[in-house]
Amino acid sequence: MCIEYPENEVLLEYANSLFDFQNVYNEMQRIREVGAQRGQISIQHFFDGLLQESYREDT
């Protein structure tokens, strides 16, 4: 989804808080067939991001 809507700030914010930016970037490049390296998921980073988002107040 980041490829179709790169200007969507909410989407990018969630992608960066749940996944590391470099991994999101690597996956976008791989989908575009520009890069060969896949993004990696850190389960700890993902759950930390979920926890952080659950504590954040709605704005």
PDB file of N, CA and C in Angstrom:
ATOM      1  N   MET A   1       0.804  -1.194   0.000  1.00  0.00           N
ATOM      2  CA  MET A   1       0.000   0.000   0.000  1.00  0.00           C
ATOM      3  C   MET A   1       0.846   1.256   0.000  1.00  0.00           C
ATOM      4  N   CYS A   2       2.027   1.179   0.564  1.00  0.00           N
ATOM      5  CA  CYS A   2       2.891   2.365   0.581  1.00  0.00           C
ATOM      6  C   CYS A   2       3.291   2.777  -0.822  1.00  0.00           C
ATOM      7  N   ILE A   3       3.306   1.826  -1.743  1.00  0.00           N
ATOM      8  CA  ILE A   3       3.690   2.151  -3.113  1.00  0.00           C
ATOM      9  C   ILE A   3       2.584   2.943  -3.797  1.00  0.00           C
ATOM     10  N   GLU A   4       1.323   2.528  -3.613  1.00  0.00           N
ATOM     11  CA  GLU A   4       0.210   3.217  -4.253  1.00  0.00           C
ATOM     12  C   GLU A   4      -0.068   4.576  -3.630  1.00  0.00           C
ATOM     13  N   TYR A   5       0.175   4.706  -2.325  1.00  0.00           N
ATOM     14  CA  TYR A   5      -0.129   5.948  -1.608  1.00  0.00           C
ATOM     15  C   TYR A   5       1.090   6.424  -0.811  1.00  0.00           C
ATOM     16  N   PRO A   6       2.176   6.798  -1.483  1.00  0.00           N
ATOM     17  CA  PRO A   6       3.384   7.186  -0.738  1.00  0.00           C
ATOM     18  C   PRO A   6       3.230   8.484   0.044  1.00  0.00           C
ATOM     19  N   GLU A   7       2.242   9.302  -0.302  1.00  0.00           N
ATOM     20  CA  GLU A   7       2.056  10.570   0.406  1.00  0.00           C
ATOM     21  C   GLU A   7       1.123  10.434   1.605  1.00  0.00           C
ATOM     22  N   ASN A   8       0.571   9.255   1.838  1.00  0.00           N
ATOM     23  CA  ASN A   8      -0.347   9.026   2.950  1.00  0.00           C
ATOM     24  C   ASN A   8       0.446   8.972   4.252  1.00  0.00           C
ATOM     25  N   GLU A   9       0.369  10.047   5.028  1.00  0.00           N
ATOM     26  CA  GLU A   9       1.162  10.161   6.256  1.00  0.00           C
ATOM     27  C   GLU A   9       0.750   9.146   7.315  1.00  0.00           C
ATOM     28  N   VAL A  10      -0.532   8.848   7.414  1.00  0.00           N
ATOM     29  CA  VAL A  10      -1.010   7.884   8.411  1.00  0.00           C
ATOM     30  C   VAL A  10      -0.470   6.496   8.098  1.00  0.00           C
ATOM     31  N   LEU A  11      -0.547   6.112   6.847  1.00  0.00           N
ATOM     32  CA  LEU A  11      -0.038   4.806   6.430  1.00  0.00           C
ATOM     33  C   LEU A  11       1.455   4.690   6.698  1.00  0.00           C
ATOM     34  N   LEU A  12       2.209   5.715   6.348  1.00  0.00           N
ATOM     35  CA  LEU A  12       3.652   5.692   6.576  1.00  0.00           C
ATOM     36  C   LEU A  12       3.987   5.697   8.061  1.00  0.00           C
ATOM     37  N   GLU A  13       3.204   6.414   8.853  1.00  0.00           N
ATOM     38  CA  GLU A  13       3.452   6.446  10.296  1.00  0.00           C
ATOM     39  C   GLU A  13       3.271   5.061  10.907  1.00  0.00           C
ATOM     40  N   TYR A  14       2.184   4.387  10.544  1.00  0.00           N
ATOM     41  CA  TYR A  14       1.960   3.036  11.067  1.00  0.00           C
ATOM     42  C   TYR A  14       3.004   2.061  10.540  1.00  0.00           C
ATOM     43  N   ALA A  15       3.344   2.166   9.272  1.00  0.00           N
ATOM     44  CA  ALA A  15       4.354   1.271   8.706  1.00  0.00           C
ATOM     45  C   ALA A  15       5.685   1.441   9.424  1.00  0.00           C
ATOM     46  N   ASN A  16       6.038   2.674   9.746  1.00  0.00           N
ATOM     47  CA  ASN A  16       7.313   2.926  10.411  1.00  0.00           C
ATOM     48  C   ASN A  16       7.283   2.587  11.890  1.00  0.00           C
ATOM     49  N   SER A  17       6.115   2.668  12.522  1.00  0.00           N
ATOM     50  CA  SER A  17       6.069   2.331  13.947  1.00  0.00           C
ATOM     51  C   SER A  17       5.980   0.823  14.159  1.00  0.00           C
ATOM     52  N   LEU A  18       5.377   0.102  13.224  1.00  0.00           N
ATOM     53  CA  LEU A  18       5.262  -1.351  13.362  1.00  0.00           C
ATOM     54  C   LEU A  18       6.429  -2.095  12.726  1.00  0.00           C
ATOM     55  N   PHE A  19       7.012  -1.512  11.709  1.00  0.00           N
ATOM     56  CA  PHE A  19       8.148  -2.109  11.011  1.00  0.00           C
ATOM     57  C   PHE A  19       9.238  -1.057  10.908  1.00  0.00           C
ATOM     58  N   ASP A  20      10.466  -1.475  10.833  1.00  0.00           N
ATOM     59  CA  ASP A  20      11.578  -0.544  10.667  1.00  0.00           C
ATOM     60  C   ASP A  20      11.511   0.073   9.272  1.00  0.00           C
ATOM     61  N   PHE A  21      11.814   1.366   9.155  1.00  0.00           N
ATOM     62  CA  PHE A  21      11.713   2.057   7.870  1.00  0.00           C
ATOM     63  C   PHE A  21      12.526   1.364   6.791  1.00  0.00           C
ATOM     64  N   GLN A  22      13.732   0.934   7.110  1.00  0.00           N
ATOM     65  CA  GLN A  22      14.587   0.302   6.101  1.00  0.00           C
ATOM     66  C   GLN A  22      13.950  -0.968   5.553  1.00  0.00           C
ATOM     67  N   ASN A  23      13.261  -1.721   6.387  1.00  0.00           N
ATOM     68  CA  ASN A  23      12.603  -2.940   5.930  1.00  0.00           C
ATOM     69  C   ASN A  23      11.405  -2.638   5.040  1.00  0.00           C
ATOM     70  N   VAL A  24      10.658  -1.599   5.367  1.00  0.00           N
ATOM     71  CA  VAL A  24       9.544  -1.177   4.513  1.00  0.00           C
ATOM     72  C   VAL A  24      10.091  -0.731   3.165  1.00  0.00           C
ATOM     73  N   TYR A  25      11.164   0.037   3.184  1.00  0.00           N
ATOM     74  CA  TYR A  25      11.788   0.520   1.952  1.00  0.00           C
ATOM     75  C   TYR A  25      12.300  -0.647   1.105  1.00  0.00           C
ATOM     76  N   ASN A  26      12.961  -1.612   1.732  1.00  0.00           N
ATOM     77  CA  ASN A  26      13.473  -2.772   0.994  1.00  0.00           C
ATOM     78  C   ASN A  26      12.346  -3.544   0.316  1.00  0.00           C
ATOM     79  N   GLU A  27      11.238  -3.730   1.009  1.00  0.00           N
ATOM     80  CA  GLU A  27      10.106  -4.447   0.416  1.00  0.00           C
ATOM     81  C   GLU A  27       9.500  -3.658  -0.740  1.00  0.00           C
ATOM     82  N   MET A  28       9.403  -2.335  -0.605  1.00  0.00           N
ATOM     83  CA  MET A  28       8.869  -1.521  -1.696  1.00  0.00           C
ATOM     84  C   MET A  28       9.778  -1.618  -2.915  1.00  0.00           C
ATOM     85  N   GLN A  29      11.082  -1.580  -2.701  1.00  0.00           N
ATOM     86  CA  GLN A  29      12.026  -1.706  -3.807  1.00  0.00           C
ATOM     87  C   GLN A  29      11.935  -3.085  -4.452  1.00  0.00           C
ATOM     88  N   ARG A  30      11.768  -4.116  -3.644  1.00  0.00           N
ATOM     89  CA  ARG A  30      11.665  -5.476  -4.179  1.00  0.00           C
ATOM     90  C   ARG A  30      10.391  -5.624  -5.005  1.00  0.00           C
ATOM     91  N   ILE A  31       9.284  -5.057  -4.550  1.00  0.00           N
ATOM     92  CA  ILE A  31       8.027  -5.122  -5.300  1.00  0.00           C
ATOM     93  C   ILE A  31       8.167  -4.384  -6.623  1.00  0.00           C
ATOM     94  N   ARG A  32       8.890  -3.290  -6.611  1.00  0.00           N
ATOM     95  CA  ARG A  32       9.131  -2.531  -7.846  1.00  0.00           C
ATOM     96  C   ARG A  32      10.172  -3.204  -8.729  1.00  0.00           C
ATOM     97  N   GLU A  33      10.756  -4.288  -8.247  1.00  0.00           N
ATOM     98  CA  GLU A  33      11.791  -5.056  -8.946  1.00  0.00           C
ATOM     99  C   GLU A  33      13.056  -4.240  -9.164  1.00  0.00           C
ATOM    100  N   VAL A  34      13.345  -3.350  -8.222  1.00  0.00           N
ATOM    101  CA  VAL A  34      14.569  -2.555  -8.277  1.00  0.00           C
ATOM    102  C   VAL A  34      15.631  -3.174  -7.381  1.00  0.00           C
ATOM    103  N   GLY A  35      15.230  -3.710  -6.257  1.00  0.00           N
ATOM    104  CA  GLY A  35      16.171  -4.292  -5.302  1.00  0.00           C
ATOM    105  C   GLY A  35      15.924  -5.775  -5.129  1.00  0.00           C
ATOM    106  N   ALA A  36      16.953  -6.478  -4.709  1.00  0.00           N
ATOM    107  CA  ALA A  36      16.831  -7.923  -4.517  1.00  0.00           C
ATOM    108  C   ALA A  36      16.696  -8.287  -3.046  1.00  0.00           C
ATOM    109  N   GLN A  37      17.039  -7.362  -2.157  1.00  0.00           N
ATOM    110  CA  GLN A  37      17.028  -7.662  -0.731  1.00  0.00           C
ATOM    111  C   GLN A  37      15.617  -7.519  -0.170  1.00  0.00           C
ATOM    112  N   ARG A  38      15.184  -8.526   0.570  1.00  0.00           N
ATOM    113  CA  ARG A  38      13.861  -8.499   1.188  1.00  0.00           C
ATOM    114  C   ARG A  38      13.920  -7.789   2.529  1.00  0.00           C
ATOM    115  N   GLY A  39      12.798  -7.208   2.918  1.00  0.00           N
ATOM    116  CA  GLY A  39      12.682  -6.633   4.249  1.00  0.00           C
ATOM    117  C   GLY A  39      12.519  -7.740   5.273  1.00  0.00           C
ATOM    118  N   GLN A  40      12.968  -7.486   6.483  1.00  0.00           N
ATOM    119  CA  GLN A  40      12.853  -8.466   7.554  1.00  0.00           C
ATOM    120  C   GLN A  40      11.934  -7.903   8.626  1.00  0.00           C
ATOM    121  N   ILE A  41      11.202  -8.800   9.256  1.00  0.00           N
ATOM    122  CA  ILE A  41      10.280  -8.386  10.308  1.00  0.00           C
ATOM    123  C   ILE A  41      10.875  -8.738  11.657  1.00  0.00           C
ATOM    124  N   SER A  42      10.918  -7.757  12.541  1.00  0.00           N
ATOM    125  CA  SER A  42      11.317  -7.997  13.921  1.00  0.00           C
ATOM    126  C   SER A  42      10.033  -8.115  14.734  1.00  0.00           C
ATOM    127  N   ILE A  43       9.767  -9.310  15.234  1.00  0.00           N
ATOM    128  CA  ILE A  43       8.550  -9.533  16.014  1.00  0.00           C
ATOM    129  C   ILE A  43       8.527  -8.623  17.239  1.00  0.00           C
ATOM    130  N   GLN A  44       9.678  -8.453  17.885  1.00  0.00           N
ATOM    131  CA  GLN A  44       9.752  -7.586  19.064  1.00  0.00           C
ATOM    132  C   GLN A  44       9.408  -6.144  18.699  1.00  0.00           C
ATOM    133  N   HIS A  45       9.965  -5.640  17.604  1.00  0.00           N
ATOM    134  CA  HIS A  45       9.687  -4.270  17.152  1.00  0.00           C
ATOM    135  C   HIS A  45       8.202  -4.117  16.805  1.00  0.00           C
ATOM    136  N   PHE A  46       7.625  -5.131  16.158  1.00  0.00           N
ATOM    137  CA  PHE A  46       6.221  -5.093  15.776  1.00  0.00           C
ATOM    138  C   PHE A  46       5.318  -4.992  17.005  1.00  0.00           C
ATOM    139  N   PHE A  47       5.554  -5.859  17.997  1.00  0.00           N
ATOM    140  CA  PHE A  47       4.709  -5.830  19.193  1.00  0.00           C
ATOM    141  C   PHE A  47       4.951  -4.585  20.042  1.00  0.00           C
ATOM    142  N   ASP A  48       6.185  -4.100  20.070  1.00  0.00           N
ATOM    143  CA  ASP A  48       6.449  -2.835  20.760  1.00  0.00           C
ATOM    144  C   ASP A  48       5.677  -1.698  20.092  1.00  0.00           C
ATOM    145  N   GLY A  49       5.645  -1.706  18.760  1.00  0.00           N
ATOM    146  CA  GLY A  49       4.891  -0.691  18.027  1.00  0.00           C
ATOM    147  C   GLY A  49       3.401  -0.778  18.289  1.00  0.00           C
ATOM    148  N   LEU A  50       2.874  -2.014  18.341  1.00  0.00           N
ATOM    149  CA  LEU A  50       1.453  -2.187  18.662  1.00  0.00           C
ATOM    150  C   LEU A  50       1.133  -1.660  20.051  1.00  0.00           C
ATOM    151  N   LEU A  51       1.999  -1.969  20.998  1.00  0.00           N
ATOM    152  CA  LEU A  51       1.794  -1.500  22.366  1.00  0.00           C
ATOM    153  C   LEU A  51       1.843   0.022  22.428  1.00  0.00           C
ATOM    154  N   GLN A  52       2.809   0.605  21.742  1.00  0.00           N
ATOM    155  CA  GLN A  52       2.937   2.062  21.709  1.00  0.00           C
ATOM    156  C   GLN A  52       1.697   2.698  21.075  1.00  0.00           C
ATOM    157  N   GLU A  53       1.199   2.122  19.998  1.00  0.00           N
ATOM    158  CA  GLU A  53       0.007   2.663  19.343  1.00  0.00           C
ATOM    159  C   GLU A  53      -1.229   2.520  20.222  1.00  0.00           C
ATOM    160  N   SER A  54      -1.298   1.469  21.029  1.00  0.00           N
ATOM    161  CA  SER A  54      -2.465   1.282  21.894  1.00  0.00           C
ATOM    162  C   SER A  54      -2.507   2.319  23.013  1.00  0.00           C
ATOM    163  N   TYR A  55      -1.345   2.829  23.428  1.00  0.00           N
ATOM    164  CA  TYR A  55      -1.289   3.845  24.478  1.00  0.00           C
ATOM    165  C   TYR A  55      -1.489   5.257  23.944  1.00  0.00           C
ATOM    166  N   ARG A  56      -1.302   5.435  22.658  1.00  0.00           N
ATOM    167  CA  ARG A  56      -1.405   6.761  22.066  1.00  0.00           C
ATOM    168  C   ARG A  56      -2.864   7.201  22.021  1.00  0.00           C
ATOM    169  N   GLU A  57      -3.087   8.439  22.372  1.00  0.00           N
ATOM    170  CA  GLU A  57      -4.441   8.984  22.343  1.00  0.00           C
ATOM    171  C   GLU A  57      -4.841   9.279  20.909  1.00  0.00           C
ATOM    172  N   ASP A  58      -6.116   9.162  20.615  1.00  0.00           N
ATOM    173  CA  ASP A  58      -6.621   9.503  19.289  1.00  0.00           C
ATOM    174  C   ASP A  58      -6.477  10.998  19.075  1.00  0.00           C
ATOM    175  N   THR A  59      -5.983  11.360  17.893  1.00  0.00           N
ATOM    176  CA  THR A  59      -5.829  12.780  17.567  1.00  0.00           C
ATOM    177  C   THR A  59      -6.646  13.135  16.369  1.00  0.00           C
TER     178      THR A  59
END
